[in-house]
Amino acid sequence: MGLKSVLCAKIEMKANKDIFHDVFTNKPHHVSAMSPLHVQGFDLLEGDIGTVGFKVCWTYTLDGEKNISKQILEAIDHENKVLTLKEFEGDVTDKYDSFKATLHIETKDEIDLVSWTLDFERPNENVPELIRLLNFIVGMTKVVDDHHGN
């Protein structure tokens, strides 16, 4: 049994929350155009974008290294602006027993926040927490937000 971990980040957003949710739900292929330093590629592997069960392959650069992540859209809640992606193959699951990312857009005290929650399982204590990946996701989120907030 591995070590279960959860990392969270909340980012105040400038963009309209409906537009931001739409990007990650229905137009994820636009992320590489908005944030090319973070994400270089998006390939639809199976299903229809924006529907539970669709599978994608992301190509991205983390700390100067090219990586891939094959993910399935596991859950989506349009009303509460939540979506969950689970990696089924890629650089993260090569080192970790499991990885899931949840995006939630919420409003607190009239401020819209993008919340990312990373749930993952490390095989042992020698495998580091995914703090670098969370920082990467925060950076990419800020670039996408800047794109739509200006």
Protein backbone atom coordinates (compact mmCIF):
# COMPACT_ATOMS: atom_id res chain seq x y z
CA MET A 1 0.00 0.00 0.00
CA GLY A 2 1.39 3.38 -1.04
CA LEU A 3 1.30 6.75 0.65
CA LYS A 4 -1.77 8.80 -0.23
CA SER A 5 -1.25 12.54 -0.62
CA VAL A 6 -3.34 15.58 -1.47
CA LEU A 7 -2.04 18.97 -2.59
CA CYS A 8 -4.26 22.01 -3.16
CA ALA A 9 -3.86 25.48 -4.61
CA LYS A 10 -6.31 28.34 -5.01
CA ILE A 11 -5.71 31.15 -7.48
CA GLU A 12 -7.74 34.35 -7.63
CA MET A 13 -8.95 34.80 -11.18
CA LYS A 14 -9.57 37.83 -13.36
CA ALA A 15 -11.42 36.02 -16.14
CA ASN A 16 -15.10 35.18 -16.14
CA LYS A 17 -15.53 31.86 -14.33
CA ASP A 18 -17.92 30.52 -16.99
CA ILE A 19 -15.38 31.18 -19.75
CA PHE A 20 -12.57 29.67 -17.70
CA HIS A 21 -14.60 26.52 -16.94
CA ASP A 22 -15.49 26.28 -20.63
CA VAL A 23 -11.80 26.31 -21.64
CA PHE A 24 -10.91 23.31 -19.50
CA THR A 25 -14.17 21.47 -20.19
CA ASN A 26 -14.94 22.09 -23.85
CA LYS A 27 -11.82 23.69 -25.34
CA PRO A 28 -8.80 22.07 -23.66
CA HIS A 29 -7.09 21.94 -27.06
CA HIS A 30 -6.80 25.76 -26.82
CA VAL A 31 -4.59 25.58 -23.70
CA SER A 32 -1.42 24.93 -25.72
CA ALA A 33 -2.07 28.07 -27.79
CA MET A 34 -2.66 30.15 -24.65
CA SER A 35 0.23 28.70 -22.65
CA PRO A 36 2.80 27.29 -25.10
CA LEU A 37 5.65 27.42 -22.58
CA HIS A 38 3.70 25.01 -20.39
CA VAL A 39 1.68 22.87 -22.80
CA GLN A 40 2.93 21.97 -26.28
CA GLY A 41 0.37 19.45 -27.43
CA PHE A 42 -3.12 18.06 -27.03
CA ASP A 43 -4.40 14.94 -28.79
CA LEU A 44 -7.89 13.55 -28.45
CA LEU A 45 -7.49 9.79 -28.03
CA GLU A 46 -11.09 8.70 -27.61
CA GLY A 47 -14.59 10.07 -27.09
CA ASP A 48 -16.01 13.55 -27.42
CA ILE A 49 -14.38 16.56 -25.76
CA GLY A 50 -16.45 17.80 -22.84
CA THR A 51 -18.07 14.45 -22.05
CA VAL A 52 -17.27 12.05 -19.24
CA GLY A 53 -14.97 9.31 -20.48
CA PHE A 54 -13.11 11.26 -23.16
CA LYS A 55 -9.39 10.49 -23.24
CA VAL A 56 -6.61 12.92 -24.11
CA CYS A 57 -2.85 13.01 -24.33
CA TRP A 58 -1.09 16.18 -23.17
CA THR A 59 2.51 17.02 -24.06
CA TYR A 60 4.04 19.49 -21.63
CA THR A 61 7.36 20.79 -20.36
CA LEU A 62 8.08 20.64 -16.63
CA ASP A 63 11.42 21.98 -15.39
CA GLY A 64 12.85 21.84 -18.91
CA GLU A 65 11.85 18.21 -19.49
CA LYS A 66 9.26 17.04 -22.02
CA ASN A 67 6.49 14.96 -20.46
CA ILE A 68 3.26 13.30 -21.49
CA SER A 69 0.06 12.67 -19.60
CA LYS A 70 -2.75 10.50 -20.89
CA GLN A 71 -5.90 11.36 -18.99
CA ILE A 72 -9.56 10.46 -18.88
CA LEU A 73 -12.28 12.93 -17.90
CA GLU A 74 -13.65 11.06 -14.92
CA ALA A 75 -16.32 13.48 -13.72
CA ILE A 76 -17.84 16.82 -14.64
CA ASP A 77 -20.32 19.07 -12.86
CA HIS A 78 -21.22 22.10 -14.97
CA GLU A 79 -23.41 23.71 -12.31
CA ASN A 80 -20.69 23.68 -9.63
CA LYS A 81 -17.87 24.12 -12.18
CA VAL A 82 -15.93 20.99 -11.21
CA LEU A 83 -14.06 18.53 -13.40
CA THR A 84 -11.82 15.61 -12.51
CA LEU A 85 -9.11 14.17 -14.73
CA LYS A 86 -7.38 10.88 -13.94
CA GLU A 87 -4.03 9.99 -15.49
CA PHE A 88 -4.05 6.43 -16.80
CA GLU A 89 -0.65 6.54 -18.51
CA GLY A 90 2.26 8.95 -18.58
CA ASP A 91 5.26 10.34 -16.78
CA VAL A 92 3.45 10.83 -13.47
CA THR A 93 1.95 7.33 -13.31
CA ASP A 94 5.34 5.89 -14.31
CA LYS A 95 6.57 7.00 -10.85
CA TYR A 96 3.37 7.22 -8.81
CA ASP A 97 0.74 4.57 -8.13
CA SER A 98 -2.13 6.90 -9.05
CA PHE A 99 -2.80 10.52 -9.99
CA LYS A 100 -6.00 12.56 -10.22
CA ALA A 101 -6.46 16.32 -10.70
CA THR A 102 -9.66 18.15 -9.83
CA LEU A 103 -10.42 21.67 -11.05
CA HIS A 104 -13.06 23.60 -9.13
CA ILE A 105 -14.06 27.19 -9.73
CA GLU A 106 -15.73 28.76 -6.73
CA THR A 107 -16.68 32.18 -5.41
CA LYS A 108 -15.68 33.28 -1.89
CA ASP A 109 -16.59 36.75 -0.66
CA GLU A 110 -17.33 37.84 -4.25
CA ILE A 111 -13.89 36.69 -5.43
CA ASP A 112 -13.68 33.93 -8.05
CA LEU A 113 -11.07 31.29 -7.27
CA VAL A 114 -9.66 28.49 -9.38
CA SER A 115 -8.95 25.55 -7.08
CA TRP A 116 -6.75 22.64 -8.11
CA THR A 117 -6.59 19.51 -5.98
CA LEU A 118 -4.04 16.82 -6.78
CA ASP A 119 -4.75 13.38 -5.31
CA PHE A 120 -1.93 10.90 -5.76
CA GLU A 121 -0.32 7.87 -4.24
CA ARG A 122 3.43 7.54 -3.83
CA PRO A 123 4.87 4.02 -3.78
CA ASN A 124 7.17 4.91 -0.85
CA GLU A 125 8.66 7.81 1.15
CA ASN A 126 11.57 8.19 -1.30
CA VAL A 127 9.24 9.42 -4.06
CA PRO A 128 8.66 13.18 -3.62
CA GLU A 129 5.37 15.01 -3.26
CA LEU A 130 4.15 16.54 -6.54
CA ILE A 131 4.84 20.13 -5.49
CA ARG A 132 6.71 20.94 -8.73
CA LEU A 133 3.73 19.69 -10.74
CA LEU A 134 1.30 21.75 -8.64
CA ASN A 135 3.46 24.86 -9.21
CA PHE A 136 3.43 24.08 -12.95
CA ILE A 137 -0.38 23.82 -12.96
CA VAL A 138 -0.68 27.10 -11.04
CA GLY A 139 1.62 28.82 -13.57
CA MET A 140 -0.34 27.46 -16.51
CA THR A 141 -3.62 28.50 -14.86
CA LYS A 142 -2.38 32.06 -14.38
CA VAL A 143 -1.37 32.30 -18.05
CA VAL A 144 -4.78 31.02 -19.21
CA ASP A 145 -6.48 33.42 -16.79
CA ASP A 146 -4.38 36.35 -18.07
CA HIS A 147 -5.33 35.41 -21.63
CA HIS A 148 -9.04 35.71 -20.83
CA GLY A 149 -8.87 38.37 -18.13
CA ASN A 150 -7.33 41.13 -20.24
